[in-house]
Amino acid sequence: MIIFEPNFSGVSGDMLLGALVDLGADFALLERFNAVEGVKGLSGVEIRKEITKRGSIEAIKINISLDEHFHGRHGHEMLEILDRTSYSVGASNWAKDRAKEAILCILEAEAEVHGAEVEEVHLHEAGSFDTIIDCLGFFMLLESLGEKRIASTPVCTGSGKVKTCHGLLPVPVPAVTAIASKRRVPLLGSDIEGELATPTGVSLLAVSATFYRVLPSFVPAKVGYGAGSKDFEVANVLRATMAEEEDLEETILIETSLDDITGEEIGYAISKLQETSKEVHLLQGLGKKNRPLFILRLLVDAENLDRAIEGLFEHTTTIGVRYWPVSRVKMKRTIEEVPHEGGFVRVKVSRHGDLQKEKIDFDDLTENAGS
């Protein structure tokens, strides 16, 4: 898993690229874009890697130089350019599809802000070819690291205003807030004057990352830093950490009390809630005026929190829930096949440190008993 921390100095496409290259991603993948031809309005691309410092932190800066002449591009043009470029640079279908998702995320946000259709929305700054490089390059680099699981802290946006082709706009810019609203990206304000979070950077995290208000437990295996373009009073870098996941898992416990639901209704609700939960527990208790009630508890991953809460509101009589972060320690588990009476039975082997437990699969036990 790779963990990004944009809660400090925000995020942009080039900061993400730099952080991944600093982690060890193959920079030669980005150099493939230098040879891209046939894009209308584009006559030259040069991508360079620079070791620099922001504050006292050494980081990788990805410099993208374009000989580009255009007055903005429509949504359908960006998607067509992505398809052609993906083929030209030899991107995998996975990288191309994820890059398309990120570009559509930007297009949907711009369409919402400007009241236009997604394929016809007119992009100015975001319509540059470097948006294609940022989005496609990000997933190509990610793939080269062998990592596709992403976590992120909330995104620091900066403050004040920024000059754009539409005039002065507030920070965060409308496209960023639209992406955050649609994709439920947590944002953080800052007293730093300037735009720290760009639509491209936010969209890439929005489509790829699970967001944590507090980072899960992890052991850092390697750390990389991607440099931003500007100097601020804080180090303008994005930290990325390749993590070795521990047996400690961060989850969320959701709880609600039900005193006006039938047995049939609670049975149906549990069957639906199990679809998005790691565990579902039903307890009995006493409520107001000593009335008997059910206490329903769900254990869920952070990315399933909203779905689980919506499921509780939809499938039970509750009108309010409680939730809080919970850590749980799991034994590492493998399934092994053991010879038995001319065949095999599956054995679940669980390990934690020097401790080991074995348990034969119950279905295999009953099948052997029946024979």
Protein backbone atom coordinates (compact mmCIF):
# COMPACT_ATOMS: atom_id res chain seq x y z
CA MET A 1 0.00 0.00 0.00
CA ILE A 2 1.14 3.56 -0.76
CA ILE A 3 0.09 6.35 1.61
CA PHE A 4 0.00 9.98 0.44
CA GLU A 5 -0.08 12.89 2.90
CA PRO A 6 -1.52 15.96 1.15
CA ASN A 7 -2.70 17.39 4.48
CA PHE A 8 0.55 19.35 4.73
CA SER A 9 1.18 21.09 1.38
CA GLY A 10 -1.68 19.93 -0.82
CA VAL A 11 -1.44 17.94 -4.02
CA SER A 12 -0.93 18.41 -7.75
CA GLY A 13 -0.30 16.07 -10.65
CA ASP A 14 3.44 16.76 -10.84
CA MET A 15 3.83 16.32 -7.07
CA LEU A 16 2.22 12.88 -7.32
CA LEU A 17 4.52 11.92 -10.19
CA GLY A 18 7.60 13.14 -8.34
CA ALA A 19 6.68 11.28 -5.16
CA LEU A 20 6.20 8.00 -7.05
CA VAL A 21 9.50 8.40 -8.92
CA ASP A 22 11.24 9.09 -5.60
CA LEU A 23 9.72 5.85 -4.29
CA GLY A 24 11.43 4.00 -7.13
CA ALA A 25 8.87 4.07 -9.95
CA ASP A 26 10.38 3.80 -13.46
CA PHE A 27 10.97 7.37 -14.72
CA ALA A 28 11.57 5.97 -18.22
CA LEU A 29 7.80 5.45 -18.43
CA LEU A 30 7.32 9.23 -18.31
CA GLU A 31 10.03 9.77 -20.91
CA ARG A 32 7.87 7.85 -23.38
CA PHE A 33 5.62 10.92 -23.57
CA ASN A 34 8.49 12.88 -25.17
CA ALA A 35 7.89 10.97 -28.41
CA VAL A 36 4.10 11.47 -28.59
CA GLU A 37 3.01 12.91 -31.94
CA GLY A 38 -0.22 13.64 -33.74
CA VAL A 39 -1.97 15.63 -31.01
CA LYS A 40 -3.55 18.77 -32.44
CA GLY A 41 -1.88 21.91 -31.11
CA LEU A 42 1.06 19.98 -29.66
CA SER A 43 4.45 20.00 -31.36
CA GLY A 44 6.84 19.04 -28.60
CA VAL A 45 7.05 17.45 -25.15
CA GLU A 46 10.01 17.31 -22.79
CA ILE A 47 9.83 15.70 -19.36
CA ARG A 48 12.78 16.05 -17.02
CA LYS A 49 13.52 14.82 -13.51
CA GLU A 50 15.19 17.21 -11.08
CA ILE A 51 16.46 16.63 -7.56
CA THR A 52 15.62 19.77 -5.60
CA LYS A 53 14.82 21.00 -2.11
CA ARG A 54 11.70 22.54 -0.68
CA GLY A 55 12.45 23.93 2.74
CA SER A 56 15.03 21.48 4.06
CA ILE A 57 13.52 18.41 2.40
CA GLU A 58 15.07 16.87 -0.70
CA ALA A 59 12.44 15.93 -3.26
CA ILE A 60 11.93 15.00 -6.91
CA LYS A 61 10.51 17.68 -9.19
CA ILE A 62 8.99 16.53 -12.47
CA ASN A 63 9.30 19.32 -15.03
CA ILE A 64 6.99 19.10 -18.04
CA SER A 65 7.74 21.44 -20.94
CA LEU A 66 5.18 21.64 -23.76
CA ASP A 67 5.29 23.38 -27.13
CA GLU A 68 1.54 23.66 -27.20
CA HIS A 69 -0.80 26.07 -28.97
CA PHE A 70 -4.46 25.72 -28.08
CA HIS A 71 -7.36 27.75 -26.74
CA GLY A 72 -8.80 25.03 -24.57
CA ARG A 73 -10.19 21.60 -25.43
CA HIS A 74 -13.61 20.01 -25.11
CA GLY A 75 -14.25 16.96 -22.97
CA HIS A 76 -14.57 14.56 -25.89
CA GLU A 77 -11.23 15.81 -27.28
CA MET A 78 -9.45 15.04 -24.00
CA LEU A 79 -10.83 11.48 -24.03
CA GLU A 80 -9.80 10.97 -27.65
CA ILE A 81 -6.28 12.26 -26.91
CA LEU A 82 -6.05 9.90 -23.93
CA ASP A 83 -6.90 6.90 -26.12
CA ARG A 84 -4.30 7.81 -28.76
CA THR A 85 -1.64 8.64 -26.19
CA SER A 86 -2.23 5.43 -24.23
CA TYR A 87 -1.51 3.42 -27.38
CA SER A 88 1.51 5.57 -28.24
CA VAL A 89 3.22 5.15 -24.84
CA GLY A 90 2.28 1.48 -24.43
CA ALA A 91 0.08 1.96 -21.37
CA SER A 92 -1.80 -1.07 -20.05
CA ASN A 93 -5.58 -1.22 -20.24
CA TRP A 94 -5.68 -0.87 -16.45
CA ALA A 95 -3.64 2.36 -16.51
CA LYS A 96 -5.66 3.76 -19.41
CA ASP A 97 -9.00 2.96 -17.77
CA ARG A 98 -7.99 4.48 -14.43
CA ALA A 99 -6.62 7.60 -16.17
CA LYS A 100 -9.92 7.91 -18.03
CA GLU A 101 -11.76 7.75 -14.71
CA ALA A 102 -9.60 10.60 -13.36
CA ILE A 103 -10.14 12.76 -16.45
CA LEU A 104 -13.88 12.11 -16.34
CA CYS A 105 -13.78 13.18 -12.69
CA ILE A 106 -12.33 16.55 -13.79
CA LEU A 107 -14.78 16.86 -16.68
CA GLU A 108 -17.78 16.13 -14.47
CA ALA A 109 -16.65 18.75 -11.97
CA GLU A 110 -16.08 21.39 -14.68
CA ALA A 111 -19.43 20.54 -16.29
CA GLU A 112 -21.18 20.99 -12.94
CA VAL A 113 -19.47 24.34 -12.31
CA HIS A 114 -20.15 25.73 -15.79
CA GLY A 115 -23.55 24.11 -16.43
CA ALA A 116 -22.41 22.14 -19.48
CA GLU A 117 -22.43 18.57 -20.78
CA VAL A 118 -19.41 16.44 -19.87
CA GLU A 119 -18.29 15.76 -23.44
CA GLU A 120 -18.78 19.38 -24.51
CA VAL A 121 -17.43 21.22 -21.48
CA HIS A 122 -14.61 23.55 -22.52
CA LEU A 123 -11.40 23.16 -20.52
CA HIS A 124 -8.74 25.85 -20.36
CA GLU A 125 -5.87 25.13 -17.93
CA ALA A 126 -7.07 21.55 -17.40
CA GLY A 127 -7.31 21.07 -21.17
CA SER A 128 -3.53 21.11 -21.57
CA PHE A 129 -1.71 17.93 -22.60
CA ASP A 130 0.07 17.89 -19.24
CA THR A 131 -3.25 16.78 -17.70
CA ILE A 132 -3.02 13.67 -19.87
CA ILE A 133 0.59 13.15 -18.77
CA ASP A 134 -0.31 13.59 -15.09
CA CYS A 135 -3.27 11.19 -15.17
CA LEU A 136 -1.89 8.47 -17.42
CA GLY A 137 1.64 8.79 -16.05
CA PHE A 138 0.41 8.46 -12.46
CA PHE A 139 -1.17 5.07 -13.06
CA MET A 140 1.71 3.84 -15.22
CA LEU A 141 4.16 4.68 -12.41
CA LEU A 142 1.89 3.12 -9.82
CA GLU A 143 1.73 -0.07 -11.84
CA SER A 144 5.52 -0.16 -12.20
CA LEU A 145 5.81 -0.21 -8.41
CA GLY A 146 3.52 -3.21 -8.21
CA GLU A 147 1.17 -1.26 -5.93
CA LYS A 148 -2.45 -0.45 -6.67
CA ARG A 149 -3.77 0.15 -3.14
CA ILE A 150 -3.69 3.83 -2.17
CA ALA A 151 -4.48 5.59 1.10
CA SER A 152 -4.53 9.32 1.73
CA THR A 153 -4.95 11.86 4.47
CA PRO A 154 -7.32 14.85 3.90
CA VAL A 155 -6.25 17.38 1.27
CA CYS A 156 -4.93 20.80 2.28
CA THR A 157 -6.27 23.39 -0.16
CA GLY A 158 -4.56 26.64 0.78
CA SER A 159 -6.52 29.89 0.97
CA GLY A 160 -7.08 33.25 -0.66
CA LYS A 161 -7.67 33.60 -4.38
CA VAL A 162 -6.02 32.55 -7.62
CA LYS A 163 -5.91 34.16 -11.05
CA THR A 164 -7.34 32.01 -13.85
CA CYS A 165 -8.60 32.50 -17.40
CA HIS A 166 -12.02 33.01 -15.80
CA GLY A 167 -10.64 35.81 -13.62
CA LEU A 168 -10.00 35.65 -9.89
CA LEU A 169 -11.42 32.56 -8.18
CA PRO A 170 -11.51 31.58 -4.50
CA VAL A 171 -9.24 28.87 -3.14
CA PRO A 172 -10.12 26.04 -3.25
CA VAL A 173 -11.23 26.62 -6.84
CA PRO A 174 -14.79 25.56 -7.74
CA ALA A 175 -13.63 22.45 -9.64
CA VAL A 176 -11.83 21.16 -6.53
CA THR A 177 -14.86 21.64 -4.30
CA ALA A 178 -17.07 19.97 -6.93
CA ILE A 179 -14.77 16.94 -7.06
CA ALA A 180 -14.61 16.79 -3.27
CA SER A 181 -18.40 17.02 -2.99
CA LYS A 182 -19.12 14.31 -5.56
CA ARG A 183 -16.34 11.93 -4.48
CA ARG A 184 -16.43 12.71 -0.75
CA VAL A 185 -12.83 13.90 -0.52
CA PRO A 186 -12.08 15.49 2.89
CA LEU A 187 -10.56 18.98 2.54
CA LEU A 188 -8.51 21.04 5.00
CA GLY A 189 -8.20 24.81 5.06
CA SER A 190 -4.88 26.55 5.63
CA ASP A 191 -3.52 30.01 6.37
CA ILE A 192 -1.06 29.58 3.50
CA GLU A 193 -1.98 32.00 0.73
CA GLY A 194 -2.24 30.25 -2.61
CA GLU A 195 -3.66 27.23 -4.44
CA LEU A 196 -2.20 24.09 -2.86
CA ALA A 197 -4.63 21.56 -4.33
CA THR A 198 -5.22 21.41 -8.10
CA PRO A 199 -8.20 19.71 -9.78
CA THR A 200 -5.89 17.16 -11.40
CA GLY A 201 -4.17 16.22 -8.13
CA VAL A 202 -7.44 15.98 -6.24
CA SER A 203 -9.12 13.95 -8.99
CA LEU A 204 -6.27 11.39 -9.03
CA LEU A 205 -6.61 10.82 -5.29
CA ALA A 206 -10.41 10.90 -5.51
CA VAL A 207 -10.56 7.95 -7.93
CA SER A 208 -7.75 5.88 -6.41
CA ALA A 209 -7.43 6.47 -2.66
CA THR A 210 -9.19 5.50 0.53
CA PHE A 211 -9.17 8.57 2.79
CA TYR A 212 -8.30 8.37 6.48
CA ARG A 213 -8.67 11.18 8.98
CA VAL A 214 -6.08 9.34 11.06
CA LEU A 215 -3.51 7.18 9.29
CA PRO A 216 -3.83 3.42 9.77
CA SER A 217 -1.07 1.52 11.54
CA PHE A 218 1.82 0.74 9.17
CA VAL A 219 5.55 0.11 9.00
CA PRO A 220 7.29 2.45 6.48
CA ALA A 221 9.26 0.45 3.91
CA LYS A 222 10.31 3.40 1.74
CA VAL A 223 9.52 7.13 1.63
CA GLY A 224 9.44 9.48 -1.37
CA TYR A 225 8.83 13.21 -1.76
CA GLY A 226 7.38 15.03 -4.75
CA ALA A 227 8.15 18.75 -5.01
CA GLY A 228 5.63 21.44 -5.90
CA SER A 229 6.48 24.38 -8.16
CA LYS A 230 6.32 27.16 -5.57
CA ASP A 231 8.09 27.99 -2.33
CA PHE A 232 5.96 28.58 0.76
CA GLU A 233 6.73 29.13 4.43
CA VAL A 234 6.30 25.35 4.80
CA ALA A 235 8.10 22.74 2.70
CA ASN A 236 6.04 22.42 -0.48
CA VAL A 237 6.35 18.64 -0.82
CA LEU A 238 4.00 15.68 -1.00
CA ARG A 239 5.16 12.69 1.02
CA ALA A 240 4.42 9.17 -0.22
CA THR A 241 5.17 6.14 1.92
CA MET A 242 5.30 2.57 0.74
CA ALA A 243 3.99 0.69 3.74
CA GLU A 244 4.36 -2.79 5.06
CA GLU A 245 0.96 -3.49 6.52
CA GLU A 246 0.87 -4.87 10.02
CA ASP A 247 -1.54 -7.39 11.47
CA LEU A 248 -3.19 -4.39 13.15
CA GLU A 249 -6.18 -3.31 11.09
CA GLU A 250 -8.04 -0.01 11.40
CA THR A 251 -11.82 -0.35 11.05
CA ILE A 252 -14.94 1.52 12.09
CA LEU A 253 -17.60 0.29 14.51
CA ILE A 254 -21.15 1.54 13.85
CA GLU A 255 -23.88 1.07 16.43
CA THR A 256 -27.57 1.86 16.70
CA SER A 257 -30.41 0.96 19.09
CA LEU A 258 -33.73 -0.38 17.78
CA ASP A 259 -36.87 -0.62 19.93
CA ASP A 260 -39.54 -0.57 17.23
CA ILE A 261 -38.52 -3.24 14.72
CA THR A 262 -39.93 -6.74 14.18
CA GLY A 263 -37.96 -9.96 14.07
CA GLU A 264 -38.68 -10.35 10.37
CA GLU A 265 -37.43 -6.83 9.66
CA ILE A 266 -34.21 -7.21 11.65
CA GLY A 267 -33.46 -10.54 9.96
CA TYR A 268 -33.82 -8.97 6.51
CA ALA A 269 -31.76 -5.92 7.55
CA ILE A 270 -28.89 -8.10 8.78
CA SER A 271 -28.78 -10.02 5.48
CA LYS A 272 -28.49 -6.72 3.55
CA LEU A 273 -25.98 -5.11 5.93
CA GLN A 274 -23.67 -8.13 5.72
CA GLU A 275 -23.00 -7.16 2.09
CA THR A 276 -20.94 -4.11 3.15
CA SER A 277 -19.74 -5.18 6.62
CA LYS A 278 -16.89 -7.29 7.94
CA GLU A 279 -19.03 -8.32 10.90
CA VAL A 280 -22.64 -7.78 12.02
CA HIS A 281 -23.54 -8.28 15.69
CA LEU A 282 -27.02 -8.24 17.26
CA LEU A 283 -27.29 -7.76 21.03
CA GLN A 284 -30.23 -7.31 23.37
CA GLY A 285 -30.58 -4.53 25.93
CA LEU A 286 -32.90 -2.20 27.77
CA GLY A 287 -33.84 1.26 26.59
CA LYS A 288 -36.10 4.06 27.74
CA LYS A 289 -38.66 3.10 30.39
CA ASN A 290 -36.97 -0.33 30.61
CA ARG A 291 -38.21 -1.31 27.17
CA PRO A 292 -36.40 -4.26 25.56
CA LEU A 293 -34.46 -3.35 22.43
CA PHE A 294 -31.91 -4.59 19.92
CA ILE A 295 -28.39 -3.13 19.67
CA LEU A 296 -27.11 -3.56 16.12
CA ARG A 297 -23.35 -3.25 15.53
CA LEU A 298 -21.46 -3.24 12.25
CA LEU A 299 -17.70 -3.48 11.73
CA VAL A 300 -16.74 -1.88 8.40
CA ASP A 301 -13.77 -0.60 6.42
CA ALA A 302 -13.48 3.18 6.18
CA GLU A 303 -14.44 3.18 2.49
CA ASN A 304 -17.73 1.40 3.31
CA LEU A 305 -18.77 3.75 6.13
CA ASP A 306 -21.21 5.84 4.08
CA ARG A 307 -22.78 2.80 2.40
CA ALA A 308 -23.23 1.06 5.74
CA ILE A 309 -24.90 4.10 7.32
CA GLU A 310 -27.21 4.48 4.31
CA GLY A 311 -28.06 0.77 4.64
CA LEU A 312 -28.97 1.21 8.31
CA PHE A 313 -31.26 4.13 7.50
CA GLU A 314 -32.83 2.25 4.58
CA HIS A 315 -33.31 -1.21 6.08
CA THR A 316 -34.01 -0.48 9.75
CA THR A 317 -36.23 1.88 11.73
CA THR A 318 -33.31 3.86 13.16
CA ILE A 319 -33.05 7.63 12.71
CA GLY A 320 -29.53 7.98 14.15
CA VAL A 321 -26.31 6.00 14.48
CA ARG A 322 -23.03 6.21 16.41
CA TYR A 323 -19.61 5.30 15.04
CA TRP A 324 -15.96 5.43 16.10
CA PRO A 325 -12.61 4.02 14.91
CA VAL A 326 -11.68 0.58 16.21
CA SER A 327 -8.40 -1.32 15.85
CA ARG A 328 -8.35 -5.08 15.55
CA VAL A 329 -5.46 -7.54 15.39
CA LYS A 330 -5.76 -10.48 13.01
CA MET A 331 -3.76 -13.65 12.80
CA LYS A 332 -2.32 -14.21 9.33
CA ARG A 333 -4.32 -16.93 7.63
CA THR A 334 -3.61 -19.38 4.81
CA ILE A 335 -5.57 -22.33 3.43
CA GLU A 336 -3.61 -25.55 3.01
CA GLU A 337 -4.72 -28.87 1.52
CA VAL A 338 -3.90 -31.94 3.60
CA PRO A 339 -4.16 -35.54 2.27
CA HIS A 340 -7.03 -37.46 3.90
CA GLU A 341 -8.49 -40.89 3.04
CA GLY A 342 -7.44 -40.81 -0.60
CA GLY A 343 -8.39 -37.17 -1.07
CA PHE A 344 -7.72 -33.80 0.48
CA VAL A 345 -9.26 -31.63 3.18
CA ARG A 346 -8.72 -27.88 3.45
CA VAL A 347 -7.13 -26.66 6.66
CA LYS A 348 -7.14 -23.01 7.73
CA VAL A 349 -3.78 -22.24 9.35
CA SER A 350 -3.62 -19.06 11.45
CA ARG A 351 -0.31 -17.63 12.67
CA HIS A 352 0.74 -14.80 14.96
CA GLY A 353 4.35 -14.71 16.05
CA ASP A 354 5.21 -18.18 17.36
CA LEU A 355 1.54 -19.10 17.85
CA GLN A 356 -0.19 -21.31 15.28
CA LYS A 357 -3.73 -22.71 15.06
CA GLU A 358 -5.22 -25.18 12.58
CA LYS A 359 -8.85 -25.81 11.76
CA ILE A 360 -10.27 -28.20 9.16
CA ASP A 361 -12.85 -26.65 6.85
CA PHE A 362 -16.30 -27.59 8.19
CA ASP A 363 -17.73 -28.33 4.73
CA ASP A 364 -14.92 -30.83 4.09
CA LEU A 365 -15.63 -32.47 7.46
CA THR A 366 -19.33 -32.90 6.69
CA GLU A 367 -18.64 -34.21 3.17
CA ASN A 368 -16.24 -36.83 4.55
CA ALA A 369 -18.70 -37.74 7.32
CA GLY A 370 -21.46 -38.23 4.75
CA SER A 371 -19.32 -40.53 2.61
